[in-house]
Structure formats: C-alpha cells, structure tokens
C-alpha cells in the first residue's frame, strides 16, 4: 500500500498510461493523500490501482521526482490511524 505525498502544490502527481515516461499523460492527476495498491514496481515506476482518494483508477507514476518522494510505502496500521 502506498500514499501519495507529492504534488501538493500542483493538485497531485502526473499519471501516465504506460510505464515509459514518454507515454501519454492521463487527463487528471492522482491527488496528494490518495492511497493506492501496487500492481507492478519497475525501475522507479509504480503501476497502481486506486484504493482511496481522487484521480485515475489506475496508471503508472514515478516514485521520485528531482530527488523528492512522490509516494511512500505505508502499512495498513499506519493508514488506520
């Protein structure tokens, strides 16, 4: 389980249709604070399914941008607090 922590000043983080960073950007961002389930993790990119929050129900996101974390791994215990 992952929480979106980046993109607070931009309405969330960019979501792409495929793993490649050159693939099309989806029209809406994944909002800061959203909770997602990892489907696949590959080369600093995460394929996800939305559990809670707003934005695309699935897609590919980067874990880091310019050295800053965009998503962090959370335990279910942390999320229930």
N, C-alpha and C. Protein backbone atom coordinates (compact mmCIF):
# COMPACT_ATOMS: atom_id res chain seq x y z
N UNK A 1 0.85 -1.18 0.00
CA UNK A 1 0.00 0.00 0.00
C UNK A 1 0.89 1.24 0.00
N UNK A 2 0.53 2.22 -0.79
CA UNK A 2 1.32 3.44 -0.95
C UNK A 2 0.45 4.67 -0.77
N UNK A 3 1.04 5.74 -0.25
CA UNK A 3 0.35 7.01 -0.10
C UNK A 3 1.04 8.06 -0.96
N UNK A 4 0.24 8.85 -1.67
CA UNK A 4 0.78 9.94 -2.49
C UNK A 4 1.11 11.11 -1.56
N UNK A 5 2.39 11.49 -1.53
CA UNK A 5 2.84 12.59 -0.67
C UNK A 5 3.33 13.78 -1.48
N UNK A 6 3.51 13.61 -2.76
CA UNK A 6 3.99 14.68 -3.62
C UNK A 6 2.87 15.39 -4.34
N UNK A 7 3.23 16.47 -5.00
CA UNK A 7 2.28 17.18 -5.84
C UNK A 7 1.29 18.07 -5.14
N UNK A 8 1.54 18.39 -3.87
CA UNK A 8 0.55 19.17 -3.12
C UNK A 8 0.32 20.56 -3.71
N UNK A 9 1.32 21.15 -4.31
CA UNK A 9 1.16 22.47 -4.90
C UNK A 9 0.63 22.45 -6.32
N UNK A 10 0.43 21.24 -6.86
CA UNK A 10 0.04 21.11 -8.26
C UNK A 10 -1.25 20.32 -8.43
N UNK A 11 -1.92 20.02 -7.34
CA UNK A 11 -3.16 19.24 -7.45
C UNK A 11 -2.94 17.75 -7.56
N UNK A 12 -1.73 17.28 -7.26
CA UNK A 12 -1.43 15.86 -7.31
C UNK A 12 -0.25 15.56 -8.22
N UNK A 13 -0.07 14.28 -8.52
CA UNK A 13 1.06 13.87 -9.34
C UNK A 13 0.59 13.36 -10.70
N UNK A 14 1.47 13.46 -11.67
CA UNK A 14 1.19 13.06 -13.05
C UNK A 14 1.05 11.53 -13.13
N UNK A 15 0.04 11.10 -13.86
CA UNK A 15 -0.19 9.68 -14.12
C UNK A 15 -0.08 9.45 -15.62
N UNK A 16 0.64 8.41 -15.99
CA UNK A 16 0.80 8.07 -17.40
C UNK A 16 0.11 6.74 -17.70
N UNK A 17 -0.21 6.56 -18.96
CA UNK A 17 -0.94 5.37 -19.41
C UNK A 17 -0.08 4.11 -19.36
N UNK A 18 1.23 4.25 -19.56
CA UNK A 18 2.12 3.10 -19.60
C UNK A 18 3.37 3.40 -18.78
N UNK A 19 4.22 2.40 -18.61
CA UNK A 19 5.42 2.53 -17.78
C UNK A 19 6.37 3.59 -18.29
N UNK A 20 6.53 3.71 -19.59
CA UNK A 20 7.50 4.65 -20.15
C UNK A 20 7.11 6.09 -19.83
N UNK A 21 8.12 6.89 -19.48
CA UNK A 21 7.86 8.29 -19.14
C UNK A 21 7.51 9.13 -20.37
N UNK A 22 7.59 8.52 -21.52
CA UNK A 22 7.19 9.21 -22.76
C UNK A 22 5.75 8.84 -23.17
N UNK A 23 5.12 7.95 -22.42
CA UNK A 23 3.75 7.54 -22.76
C UNK A 23 2.78 8.68 -22.44
N UNK A 24 1.58 8.63 -22.99
CA UNK A 24 0.62 9.73 -22.80
C UNK A 24 0.28 9.98 -21.32
N UNK A 25 0.17 11.27 -20.99
CA UNK A 25 -0.24 11.69 -19.65
C UNK A 25 -1.76 11.59 -19.58
N UNK A 26 -2.29 11.01 -18.50
CA UNK A 26 -3.74 10.95 -18.33
C UNK A 26 -4.26 12.34 -17.97
N UNK A 27 -5.52 12.63 -18.28
CA UNK A 27 -6.04 13.99 -18.13
C UNK A 27 -6.16 14.51 -16.70
N UNK A 28 -6.23 13.63 -15.72
CA UNK A 28 -6.30 14.09 -14.33
C UNK A 28 -5.11 13.56 -13.54
N UNK A 29 -4.77 14.27 -12.48
CA UNK A 29 -3.66 13.87 -11.61
C UNK A 29 -4.17 13.00 -10.47
N UNK A 30 -3.25 12.24 -9.88
CA UNK A 30 -3.54 11.45 -8.69
C UNK A 30 -3.32 12.37 -7.49
N UNK A 31 -4.37 12.62 -6.73
CA UNK A 31 -4.32 13.66 -5.70
C UNK A 31 -3.43 13.27 -4.51
N UNK A 32 -2.82 14.30 -3.94
CA UNK A 32 -2.00 14.14 -2.74
C UNK A 32 -2.88 13.57 -1.64
N UNK A 33 -2.37 12.57 -0.93
CA UNK A 33 -3.13 11.91 0.13
C UNK A 33 -3.85 10.66 -0.33
N UNK A 34 -3.91 10.43 -1.63
CA UNK A 34 -4.56 9.22 -2.15
C UNK A 34 -3.78 7.98 -1.71
N UNK A 35 -4.51 6.88 -1.58
CA UNK A 35 -3.94 5.59 -1.21
C UNK A 35 -4.10 4.65 -2.40
N UNK A 36 -3.00 3.99 -2.78
CA UNK A 36 -3.02 3.10 -3.93
C UNK A 36 -2.42 1.74 -3.58
N UNK A 37 -2.82 0.74 -4.36
CA UNK A 37 -2.26 -0.60 -4.24
C UNK A 37 -1.31 -0.82 -5.40
N UNK A 38 -0.13 -1.32 -5.10
CA UNK A 38 0.87 -1.60 -6.14
C UNK A 38 0.45 -2.82 -6.95
N UNK A 39 0.49 -2.67 -8.26
CA UNK A 39 0.25 -3.79 -9.18
C UNK A 39 1.60 -4.30 -9.67
N UNK A 40 2.50 -3.36 -10.01
CA UNK A 40 3.83 -3.71 -10.50
C UNK A 40 4.78 -2.56 -10.16
N UNK A 41 5.98 -2.90 -9.76
CA UNK A 41 7.02 -1.92 -9.46
C UNK A 41 8.20 -2.22 -10.35
N UNK A 42 8.60 -1.24 -11.16
CA UNK A 42 9.67 -1.48 -12.13
C UNK A 42 10.46 -0.20 -12.37
N UNK A 43 11.74 -0.23 -12.02
CA UNK A 43 12.63 0.88 -12.33
C UNK A 43 12.19 2.23 -11.81
N UNK A 44 11.74 2.30 -10.57
CA UNK A 44 11.31 3.58 -10.01
C UNK A 44 9.93 4.03 -10.46
N UNK A 45 9.23 3.15 -11.16
CA UNK A 45 7.87 3.44 -11.64
C UNK A 45 6.91 2.43 -11.02
N UNK A 46 5.72 2.90 -10.67
CA UNK A 46 4.73 2.07 -9.99
C UNK A 46 3.44 2.03 -10.80
N UNK A 47 3.00 0.83 -11.12
CA UNK A 47 1.67 0.63 -11.69
C UNK A 47 0.75 0.43 -10.49
N UNK A 48 -0.36 1.16 -10.45
CA UNK A 48 -1.20 1.16 -9.26
C UNK A 48 -2.68 0.99 -9.59
N UNK A 49 -3.44 0.67 -8.53
CA UNK A 49 -4.90 0.71 -8.55
C UNK A 49 -5.31 1.59 -7.38
N UNK A 50 -6.21 2.53 -7.61
CA UNK A 50 -6.66 3.47 -6.59
C UNK A 50 -7.52 2.77 -5.55
N UNK A 51 -7.17 2.96 -4.28
CA UNK A 51 -7.96 2.43 -3.17
C UNK A 51 -8.84 3.54 -2.60
N UNK A 52 -8.21 4.71 -2.36
CA UNK A 52 -8.93 5.83 -1.75
C UNK A 52 -8.32 7.13 -2.24
N UNK A 53 -9.14 8.12 -2.51
CA UNK A 53 -8.67 9.40 -2.98
C UNK A 53 -9.26 9.72 -4.34
N UNK A 54 -8.65 10.66 -5.05
CA UNK A 54 -9.18 11.01 -6.36
C UNK A 54 -8.08 10.99 -7.41
N UNK A 55 -8.52 10.78 -8.64
CA UNK A 55 -7.61 10.67 -9.75
C UNK A 55 -7.91 9.42 -10.55
N UNK A 56 -7.08 9.13 -11.54
CA UNK A 56 -7.31 7.94 -12.36
C UNK A 56 -7.33 6.67 -11.51
N UNK A 57 -8.21 5.73 -11.85
CA UNK A 57 -8.34 4.48 -11.08
C UNK A 57 -7.11 3.60 -11.22
N UNK A 58 -6.34 3.79 -12.30
CA UNK A 58 -5.12 3.01 -12.48
C UNK A 58 -4.20 3.77 -13.43
N UNK A 59 -2.94 3.39 -13.42
CA UNK A 59 -1.96 4.02 -14.29
C UNK A 59 -0.55 3.79 -13.74
N UNK A 60 0.39 4.55 -14.29
CA UNK A 60 1.80 4.46 -13.89
C UNK A 60 2.25 5.81 -13.35
N UNK A 61 2.97 5.79 -12.23
CA UNK A 61 3.51 7.00 -11.62
C UNK A 61 4.97 6.79 -11.26
N UNK A 62 5.70 7.89 -11.12
CA UNK A 62 7.09 7.84 -10.66
C UNK A 62 7.10 7.92 -9.14
N UNK A 63 8.03 7.20 -8.52
CA UNK A 63 8.16 7.24 -7.06
C UNK A 63 8.92 8.48 -6.61
N UNK A 64 9.81 9.00 -7.47
CA UNK A 64 10.63 10.16 -7.15
C UNK A 64 10.59 11.17 -8.28
N UNK A 65 10.76 12.44 -7.92
CA UNK A 65 10.91 13.49 -8.92
C UNK A 65 11.92 14.49 -8.36
N UNK A 66 13.01 14.69 -9.07
CA UNK A 66 14.09 15.60 -8.62
C UNK A 66 14.55 15.27 -7.20
N UNK A 67 14.63 13.97 -6.89
CA UNK A 67 15.11 13.51 -5.59
C UNK A 67 14.08 13.56 -4.47
N UNK A 68 12.87 14.00 -4.76
CA UNK A 68 11.81 14.07 -3.75
C UNK A 68 10.84 12.91 -3.92
N UNK A 69 10.40 12.35 -2.78
CA UNK A 69 9.45 11.25 -2.83
C UNK A 69 8.08 11.75 -3.26
N UNK A 70 7.48 11.04 -4.20
CA UNK A 70 6.10 11.33 -4.62
C UNK A 70 5.12 10.38 -3.96
N UNK A 71 5.58 9.16 -3.68
CA UNK A 71 4.78 8.17 -2.97
C UNK A 71 5.64 7.51 -1.92
N UNK A 72 5.04 7.13 -0.80
CA UNK A 72 5.75 6.39 0.24
C UNK A 72 4.93 5.16 0.61
N UNK A 73 5.66 4.10 0.93
CA UNK A 73 5.01 2.85 1.33
C UNK A 73 4.43 3.04 2.74
N UNK A 74 3.21 2.59 2.93
CA UNK A 74 2.53 2.67 4.23
C UNK A 74 1.97 1.31 4.59
N UNK A 75 2.00 1.02 5.90
CA UNK A 75 1.36 -0.21 6.38
C UNK A 75 -0.12 0.08 6.62
N UNK A 76 -0.93 -0.96 6.67
CA UNK A 76 -2.34 -0.77 6.95
C UNK A 76 -2.56 -0.18 8.35
N UNK A 77 -1.67 -0.47 9.27
CA UNK A 77 -1.75 0.08 10.62
C UNK A 77 -1.58 1.60 10.58
N UNK A 78 -0.59 2.07 9.83
CA UNK A 78 -0.37 3.50 9.70
C UNK A 78 -1.57 4.21 9.10
N UNK A 79 -2.19 3.59 8.12
CA UNK A 79 -3.31 4.20 7.42
C UNK A 79 -4.58 4.25 8.26
N UNK A 80 -4.69 3.35 9.23
CA UNK A 80 -5.90 3.32 10.04
C UNK A 80 -5.86 4.31 11.20
N UNK A 81 -4.75 5.00 11.39
CA UNK A 81 -4.63 5.97 12.48
C UNK A 81 -5.36 7.24 12.17
